[in-house]
Structure formats: C-alpha cells, structure tokens
N, C-alpha and C. Protein backbone atom coordinates (compact mmCIF):
# COMPACT_ATOMS: atom_id res chain seq x y z
N MET A 1 174.80 175.08 106.70
CA MET A 1 175.44 175.89 105.92
C MET A 1 176.47 176.65 105.80
N VAL A 2 177.42 176.64 105.38
CA VAL A 2 178.49 177.64 105.33
C VAL A 2 178.36 179.01 104.84
N LYS A 3 178.32 180.08 105.75
CA LYS A 3 178.10 181.19 104.71
C LYS A 3 179.27 182.38 105.02
N PHE A 4 179.19 183.33 104.44
CA PHE A 4 180.09 184.56 104.63
C PHE A 4 179.26 185.42 105.41
N ILE A 5 179.84 185.88 106.44
CA ILE A 5 178.97 186.88 107.35
C ILE A 5 179.67 188.14 107.91
N PRO A 6 179.27 189.33 108.07
CA PRO A 6 179.98 190.30 108.59
C PRO A 6 180.66 190.21 109.60
N TYR A 7 181.76 190.75 110.17
CA TYR A 7 182.50 190.12 111.43
C TYR A 7 181.58 190.66 112.65
N GLU A 8 180.59 191.79 112.76
CA GLU A 8 180.00 191.83 113.71
C GLU A 8 178.60 190.81 114.31
N LEU A 9 178.50 189.92 113.49
CA LEU A 9 177.96 188.56 113.62
C LEU A 9 178.68 187.41 114.30
N THR A 10 179.94 187.61 114.31
CA THR A 10 181.07 186.53 114.83
C THR A 10 180.91 186.98 116.59
N LEU A 11 180.60 188.19 117.02
CA LEU A 11 180.89 189.09 118.08
C LEU A 11 180.31 188.03 119.44
N GLY A 12 178.80 187.58 119.08
CA GLY A 12 178.20 186.84 120.34
C GLY A 12 179.03 185.66 120.38
N LEU A 13 179.52 184.78 119.63
CA LEU A 13 180.04 183.63 120.26
C LEU A 13 181.58 183.53 120.50
N ARG A 14 182.33 184.72 119.83
CA ARG A 14 183.44 185.02 120.34
C ARG A 14 183.79 185.42 121.86
N SER A 15 182.36 186.44 122.44
CA SER A 15 182.19 186.72 123.86
C SER A 15 181.73 185.41 124.53
N LYS A 16 181.19 184.29 124.06
CA LYS A 16 180.52 183.26 124.80
C LYS A 16 181.58 182.29 125.01
N ILE A 17 182.09 182.13 124.09
CA ILE A 17 183.00 180.75 124.07
C ILE A 17 184.50 181.33 124.30
N LEU A 18 184.79 182.28 123.45
CA LEU A 18 186.46 182.49 123.32
C LEU A 18 186.83 183.64 124.85
N ARG A 19 186.04 184.63 125.11
CA ARG A 19 186.22 185.46 125.83
C ARG A 19 185.65 185.77 127.23
N ASN A 20 185.12 184.71 127.65
CA ASN A 20 184.35 184.69 128.91
C ASN A 20 183.27 185.60 129.35
N ASN A 21 182.39 185.78 128.10
CA ASN A 21 180.92 186.76 127.89
C ASN A 21 181.59 188.32 128.18
N LEU A 22 182.63 188.59 127.84
CA LEU A 22 183.24 189.90 127.60
C LEU A 22 182.27 190.85 126.98
N PRO A 23 182.22 192.31 126.82
CA PRO A 23 181.43 192.84 126.28
C PRO A 23 181.83 192.68 124.54
N LEU A 24 180.94 192.96 124.00
CA LEU A 24 180.88 192.60 122.55
C LEU A 24 182.22 193.48 121.82
N GLU A 25 182.17 194.85 122.19
CA GLU A 25 183.21 195.50 121.83
C GLU A 25 184.63 195.34 122.11
N ASP A 26 184.85 194.42 123.15
CA ASP A 26 185.89 193.99 123.60
C ASP A 26 186.38 192.60 122.91
N CYS A 27 185.28 192.14 122.06
CA CYS A 27 185.73 191.01 121.21
C CYS A 27 185.91 191.17 119.61
N VAL A 28 186.45 192.47 119.17
CA VAL A 28 186.79 192.89 118.06
C VAL A 28 188.16 192.79 117.82
N PHE A 29 188.71 191.87 116.99
CA PHE A 29 189.95 191.65 116.35
C PHE A 29 190.36 193.01 115.33
N PRO A 30 191.55 193.44 115.92
CA PRO A 30 192.22 194.19 114.98
C PRO A 30 192.09 194.05 113.57
N THR A 31 192.47 193.00 113.19
CA THR A 31 192.16 192.51 112.02
C THR A 31 191.04 191.91 111.21
N ASP A 32 189.72 192.29 112.13
CA ASP A 32 188.27 191.71 111.39
C ASP A 32 188.22 192.68 109.81
N GLN A 33 188.74 193.74 109.96
CA GLN A 33 188.29 194.59 108.72
C GLN A 33 189.39 194.82 107.77
N VAL A 34 190.68 194.03 107.76
CA VAL A 34 191.94 194.16 106.77
C VAL A 34 191.31 193.71 105.44
N GLU A 35 191.94 194.26 104.35
CA GLU A 35 191.99 193.69 103.26
C GLU A 35 191.98 192.06 103.01
N GLY A 36 191.39 191.48 102.44
CA GLY A 36 191.41 190.36 102.24
C GLY A 36 190.65 189.53 103.50
N ALA A 37 190.32 190.17 104.68
CA ALA A 37 189.54 189.28 105.67
C ALA A 37 188.36 188.81 105.26
N PHE A 38 187.82 187.87 105.77
CA PHE A 38 186.61 187.12 105.44
C PHE A 38 186.13 186.39 106.86
N HIS A 39 185.05 186.27 107.05
CA HIS A 39 184.14 185.82 108.22
C HIS A 39 183.27 184.76 107.41
N LEU A 40 183.53 183.29 108.51
CA LEU A 40 182.17 182.52 107.88
C LEU A 40 181.70 182.03 109.23
N ALA A 41 180.23 181.39 109.28
CA ALA A 41 179.35 181.01 109.76
C ALA A 41 178.69 179.57 109.34
N PHE A 42 178.52 178.80 110.27
CA PHE A 42 177.82 177.51 110.04
C PHE A 42 176.48 177.75 110.76
N TYR A 43 175.45 177.60 109.64
CA TYR A 43 174.22 178.00 110.40
C TYR A 43 173.54 176.38 110.31
N ALA A 44 173.08 176.59 111.72
CA ALA A 44 172.02 175.11 111.73
C ALA A 44 170.55 175.50 111.51
N GLY A 45 169.99 175.60 111.10
CA GLY A 45 168.79 176.11 110.63
C GLY A 45 169.06 177.84 110.44
N ASP A 46 168.29 178.55 111.17
CA ASP A 46 168.64 179.67 111.32
C ASP A 46 169.48 180.28 112.19
N GLU A 47 170.37 179.55 112.87
CA GLU A 47 170.97 179.76 114.31
C GLU A 47 172.68 179.69 113.69
N ILE A 48 173.35 180.79 114.06
CA ILE A 48 174.83 180.55 114.12
C ILE A 48 175.35 179.53 114.82
N ALA A 49 176.05 178.20 114.54
CA ALA A 49 176.51 177.55 115.42
C ALA A 49 177.77 177.44 115.56
N THR A 50 178.44 177.90 114.55
CA THR A 50 180.08 177.76 114.43
C THR A 50 180.30 179.18 113.65
N ILE A 51 181.84 179.65 113.95
CA ILE A 51 182.18 180.94 113.45
C ILE A 51 183.67 180.57 113.43
N ALA A 52 184.27 181.47 112.18
CA ALA A 52 185.54 181.77 112.44
C ALA A 52 186.02 182.86 111.59
N SER A 53 187.23 183.31 111.43
CA SER A 53 187.39 184.63 110.76
C SER A 53 189.05 184.14 110.03
N PHE A 54 188.92 184.79 109.10
CA PHE A 54 190.57 184.50 108.30
C PHE A 54 190.97 185.80 107.67
N PHE A 55 192.18 185.96 107.72
CA PHE A 55 193.19 187.21 107.11
C PHE A 55 194.09 186.71 106.71
N PRO A 56 194.42 187.42 105.67
CA PRO A 56 195.99 187.24 105.03
C PRO A 56 197.00 188.00 106.15
N LYS A 57 197.89 187.02 106.44
CA LYS A 57 199.11 187.27 107.43
C LYS A 57 200.17 186.24 107.14
N ASN A 58 201.21 186.29 106.76
CA ASN A 58 202.26 185.30 107.04
C ASN A 58 202.91 184.86 108.22
N TYR A 59 202.88 183.75 108.42
CA TYR A 59 203.65 183.13 109.39
C TYR A 59 205.11 183.72 109.54
N GLU A 60 205.26 184.06 110.88
CA GLU A 60 206.72 184.39 110.70
C GLU A 60 207.87 183.54 110.68
N GLY A 61 208.48 184.48 109.72
CA GLY A 61 209.66 183.43 108.77
C GLY A 61 209.48 183.26 107.54
N ARG A 62 208.23 183.43 107.25
CA ARG A 62 207.64 183.23 105.75
C ARG A 62 207.30 184.10 104.97
N LYS A 63 208.21 184.01 103.39
CA LYS A 63 207.83 184.90 102.53
C LYS A 63 206.55 184.89 101.64
N ASN A 64 206.04 183.55 101.40
CA ASN A 64 205.18 183.19 100.60
C ASN A 64 203.98 183.69 101.70
N LEU A 65 203.06 183.81 100.83
CA LEU A 65 201.78 184.49 101.45
C LEU A 65 200.81 183.49 102.18
N GLY A 66 200.55 183.80 103.18
CA GLY A 66 199.67 182.76 104.08
C GLY A 66 198.34 183.67 104.64
N TYR A 67 197.35 182.55 105.18
CA TYR A 67 196.43 183.24 105.88
C TYR A 67 196.25 182.59 107.63
N GLN A 68 195.49 183.60 108.50
CA GLN A 68 195.69 183.01 109.69
C GLN A 68 194.31 182.85 109.77
N LEU A 69 194.00 181.58 110.68
CA LEU A 69 192.68 181.45 111.04
C LEU A 69 192.77 182.00 112.62
N ARG A 70 191.78 182.81 112.70
CA ARG A 70 191.51 183.23 114.10
C ARG A 70 189.99 183.39 114.39
N GLY A 71 189.47 182.85 115.83
CA GLY A 71 188.46 183.35 116.61
C GLY A 71 187.67 182.18 116.36
N MET A 72 187.67 181.15 116.22
CA MET A 72 187.09 179.83 115.62
C MET A 72 186.13 179.38 117.16
N ALA A 73 184.90 179.16 117.15
CA ALA A 73 184.20 178.87 117.90
C ALA A 73 182.86 178.25 117.71
N THR A 74 182.53 177.33 118.32
CA THR A 74 181.21 176.49 118.43
C THR A 74 180.52 176.79 119.66
N ASP A 75 179.03 176.95 119.41
CA ASP A 75 178.04 177.04 120.64
C ASP A 75 178.06 175.52 121.45
N THR A 76 178.01 175.46 122.29
CA THR A 76 178.32 174.31 123.04
C THR A 76 177.03 173.64 122.72
N CYS A 77 176.00 174.14 122.67
CA CYS A 77 175.10 172.85 121.87
C CYS A 77 175.24 172.17 120.52
N PHE A 78 176.36 172.85 119.98
CA PHE A 78 176.42 172.00 118.78
C PHE A 78 177.60 171.50 118.73
N ASN A 79 178.73 171.12 119.95
CA ASN A 79 179.96 170.84 119.74
C ASN A 79 179.69 169.17 119.16
N GLY A 80 180.83 168.90 118.41
CA GLY A 80 180.90 167.34 118.09
C GLY A 80 180.17 167.04 116.55
N LYS A 81 179.49 168.28 116.10
CA LYS A 81 178.58 167.77 114.78
C LYS A 81 179.49 168.08 113.81
N GLY A 82 180.47 168.38 113.80
CA GLY A 82 181.42 168.56 112.33
C GLY A 82 180.94 169.79 111.71
N TYR A 83 180.84 170.98 112.31
CA TYR A 83 180.64 172.35 111.55
C TYR A 83 181.79 172.83 111.40
N GLY A 84 182.87 172.69 112.46
CA GLY A 84 183.82 173.51 112.84
C GLY A 84 184.99 173.11 111.32
N THR A 85 184.49 171.73 111.00
CA THR A 85 185.36 170.90 110.04
C THR A 85 184.81 171.66 108.40
N GLU A 86 183.55 172.10 108.50
CA GLU A 86 182.80 172.32 107.17
C GLU A 86 183.40 173.52 107.02
N ILE A 87 183.35 174.46 108.34
CA ILE A 87 183.73 175.66 107.64
C ILE A 87 185.65 175.70 107.17
N VAL A 88 186.60 175.12 108.06
CA VAL A 88 187.94 174.68 107.42
C VAL A 88 187.81 174.60 106.06
N LYS A 89 186.97 173.60 105.94
CA LYS A 89 187.41 173.13 104.55
C LYS A 89 186.89 174.37 103.48
N PHE A 90 185.73 174.68 103.65
CA PHE A 90 185.12 175.70 103.05
C PHE A 90 186.16 177.00 102.67
N ALA A 91 186.69 177.41 104.00
CA ALA A 91 187.88 178.51 103.72
C ALA A 91 188.94 177.89 103.11
N ILE A 92 189.50 176.76 103.11
CA ILE A 92 190.73 176.35 102.43
C ILE A 92 190.58 176.38 100.99
N ASP A 93 189.03 176.10 100.47
CA ASP A 93 188.85 176.08 99.16
C ASP A 93 188.96 177.46 98.73
N TYR A 94 188.50 178.42 99.49
CA TYR A 94 188.16 179.92 98.94
C TYR A 94 189.83 180.35 99.28
N ILE A 95 190.14 180.45 99.87
CA ILE A 95 191.71 180.98 100.13
C ILE A 95 192.48 180.26 99.33
N LYS A 96 192.76 179.08 98.48
CA LYS A 96 193.47 178.42 97.49
C LYS A 96 193.38 179.55 96.25
N ASN A 97 192.16 180.14 96.33
CA ASN A 97 192.04 181.11 95.03
C ASN A 97 192.70 182.58 95.53
N THR A 98 193.32 182.43 96.15
CA THR A 98 194.29 183.82 96.58
C THR A 98 195.52 183.63 96.34
N GLN A 99 196.04 182.63 96.14
CA GLN A 99 197.53 182.60 95.73
C GLN A 99 198.34 182.07 97.24
N ALA A 100 197.47 182.14 98.27
CA ALA A 100 198.18 181.71 99.76
C ALA A 100 198.52 180.16 99.48
N GLN A 101 199.72 180.31 100.17
CA GLN A 101 200.66 178.91 100.18
C GLN A 101 199.89 177.94 101.61
N TYR A 102 199.88 178.30 102.56
CA TYR A 102 199.56 177.90 103.86
C TYR A 102 198.08 178.66 104.67
N LEU A 103 197.77 178.03 105.77
CA LEU A 103 196.93 178.09 106.52
C LEU A 103 197.34 178.11 108.06
N TRP A 104 197.12 179.01 108.77
CA TRP A 104 198.10 178.87 109.85
C TRP A 104 197.10 179.38 111.33
N CYS A 105 197.50 178.90 112.43
CA CYS A 105 196.63 179.24 113.38
C CYS A 105 197.38 179.08 114.88
N ASN A 106 196.99 179.88 115.74
CA ASN A 106 197.38 179.54 117.05
C ASN A 106 196.15 179.02 117.78
N ALA A 107 196.17 177.29 118.12
CA ALA A 107 195.80 176.54 118.24
C ALA A 107 195.37 176.35 119.67
N ARG A 108 194.06 176.85 120.42
CA ARG A 108 194.12 176.03 121.85
C ARG A 108 194.62 174.74 122.08
N THR A 109 195.31 174.36 122.84
CA THR A 109 195.81 172.79 123.24
C THR A 109 194.71 171.95 123.43
N SER A 110 193.56 172.52 123.88
CA SER A 110 192.29 171.65 123.83
C SER A 110 191.86 171.17 122.28
N ALA A 111 192.47 172.16 121.06
CA ALA A 111 191.86 171.86 119.92
C ALA A 111 193.00 171.42 118.92
N VAL A 112 194.21 171.22 119.60
CA VAL A 112 195.15 170.50 118.70
C VAL A 112 194.46 169.34 117.77
N ALA A 113 194.03 168.19 118.59
CA ALA A 113 193.68 166.95 117.76
C ALA A 113 192.56 167.31 116.90
N PHE A 114 191.71 168.40 116.80
CA PHE A 114 190.80 169.00 116.17
C PHE A 114 191.57 169.14 114.38
N TYR A 115 192.62 170.31 114.79
CA TYR A 115 193.54 170.51 113.59
C TYR A 115 193.96 169.96 113.15
N HIS A 116 194.94 168.58 113.72
CA HIS A 116 195.62 167.51 113.36
C HIS A 116 194.88 166.90 112.41
N LYS A 117 193.62 166.43 112.73
CA LYS A 117 192.80 165.76 111.77
C LYS A 117 192.57 166.15 110.76
N LEU A 118 192.28 167.53 110.65
CA LEU A 118 192.27 168.62 109.21
C LEU A 118 193.68 168.44 108.40
N GLY A 119 194.76 168.23 109.09
CA GLY A 119 195.97 168.20 108.55
C GLY A 119 197.41 169.33 108.74
N PHE A 120 196.46 169.81 109.87
CA PHE A 120 197.91 170.88 110.28
C PHE A 120 198.45 169.99 111.20
N ASP A 121 199.99 171.12 111.35
CA ASP A 121 201.31 170.33 111.79
C ASP A 121 201.77 171.19 112.95
N LYS A 122 201.78 170.95 114.34
CA LYS A 122 202.16 171.52 115.11
C LYS A 122 203.31 172.13 114.78
N VAL A 123 203.96 173.53 114.77
CA VAL A 123 205.23 173.94 114.48
C VAL A 123 205.99 174.89 115.79
N SER A 124 205.35 174.75 117.06
CA SER A 124 206.02 175.61 118.14
C SER A 124 205.60 174.76 119.28
N ASP A 125 206.06 175.06 120.28
CA ASP A 125 206.08 174.46 121.71
C ASP A 125 204.75 175.11 122.13
N GLU A 126 204.17 174.55 123.28
CA GLU A 126 203.03 175.15 123.74
C GLU A 126 203.71 176.69 124.52
N PHE A 127 202.64 177.42 124.34
CA PHE A 127 202.73 178.75 125.12
C PHE A 127 201.61 179.30 125.42
N GLU A 128 201.21 180.41 126.27
CA GLU A 128 200.39 180.73 126.95
C GLU A 128 199.90 182.10 126.66
N ILE A 129 198.52 182.44 125.94
CA ILE A 129 197.90 183.59 125.42
C ILE A 129 197.67 184.13 126.93
N ALA A 130 197.96 185.31 127.68
CA ALA A 130 197.60 186.07 128.81
C ALA A 130 195.71 185.99 128.44
N GLY A 131 195.15 185.61 129.67
CA GLY A 131 193.56 185.50 129.59
C GLY A 131 192.99 184.51 129.04
N VAL A 132 193.53 183.78 128.19
CA VAL A 132 193.05 183.04 127.17
C VAL A 132 193.35 181.27 127.53
N GLY A 133 194.90 181.17 127.50
CA GLY A 133 195.16 180.05 128.29
C GLY A 133 196.26 179.60 127.30
N PRO A 134 196.66 177.89 127.09
CA PRO A 134 197.71 177.59 126.34
C PRO A 134 197.67 177.19 124.99
N HIS A 135 198.31 177.21 123.89
CA HIS A 135 198.06 177.39 122.88
C HIS A 135 199.25 176.72 121.79
N TYR A 136 199.39 175.88 120.56
CA TYR A 136 200.37 175.73 119.84
C TYR A 136 200.18 176.78 118.49
N GLU A 137 201.23 177.03 117.98
CA GLU A 137 200.87 177.34 116.50
C GLU A 137 201.27 176.28 115.49
N MET A 138 199.73 176.25 114.57
CA MET A 138 200.00 175.09 113.69
C MET A 138 199.66 175.74 112.11
N ILE A 139 200.44 174.92 111.31
CA ILE A 139 200.19 175.24 109.80
C ILE A 139 199.65 174.24 109.27
N LEU A 140 199.06 174.33 108.37
CA LEU A 140 198.38 173.45 106.86
C LEU A 140 198.84 174.14 105.90
N GLU A 141 199.72 173.25 105.35
CA GLU A 141 200.52 173.79 103.46
C GLU A 141 199.29 173.26 102.74
N LEU A 142 198.88 174.13 101.83
CA LEU A 142 197.97 174.28 100.99
C LEU A 142 198.09 173.62 99.49
N TYR A 143 199.77 173.52 99.36
CA TYR A 143 200.10 172.86 98.02
C TYR A 143 201.33 172.08 98.46
C-alpha cells in the first residue's frame, strides 16, 4: 500500500540502498521540505519496502511546471515485486493535480529500463554523479 510519509522515514532506505550506509543526517536532501514536496512509501505489511521523494522543480530549459523524482529506493528483499511502479503511478496521479506538465529524474543507469517501462524517455547522455555513479536524465510527459 502506498502512503504519504514524512521525509524522516525515507532516510533509512536512502542510507542503506543509495548512500552506502552513510549516517542518516547525511542522507537529507535540501529539497525534502520545500513547498510542494512530498514523500511516498510502499508498505509491505508494516514494513517500508520502497520510498521516493518528489518536489516541484523545472527541468533545465523548460518554463512549464515540472516535478523531480529523487531518492527512489527499494529494500533488497523486496526487489522485483512492482512496488516502485506502484509508487510512481501513485505520484503521477497526485502530480497531475498540481498543474505540472512532466515528471523528471536523474535515473541511475541500472534503473533506465525501469523508468522506460513507465514511459520516461532519456533526454541526456550518460553522466556521473560523484560518489553515486552513472545516470541519465529522464522525463515523463504527463499530458
């Protein structure tokens, strides 16, 4: 089940899956508390299986409103169960009510196929995020 959560509940999986077990305080994003930001979790029973954060941010060069997806992670014991897909679909429905025209992300190269299945298109060459790894910018047009 997908639920809205406070950003603090995303930090455990961000640390474990995305940031090589950095201390939780080092896994806070500057955008976690900006106006319009929201955080989702997929709960498997009472355990958080997947998390993602979303916030209003236009993609470079675009004037119409966009949202950025950041910090999506699934605990390894829940990989392949479709929970990430459920979170993104839930977020898309929610974001459509904000007048945003698109959703974009910096997708890890290893996750490009996942985002492509959801309708995202690559809009950049591969680039490196220091300490994190190779990524592509991807956009999903909402209308």
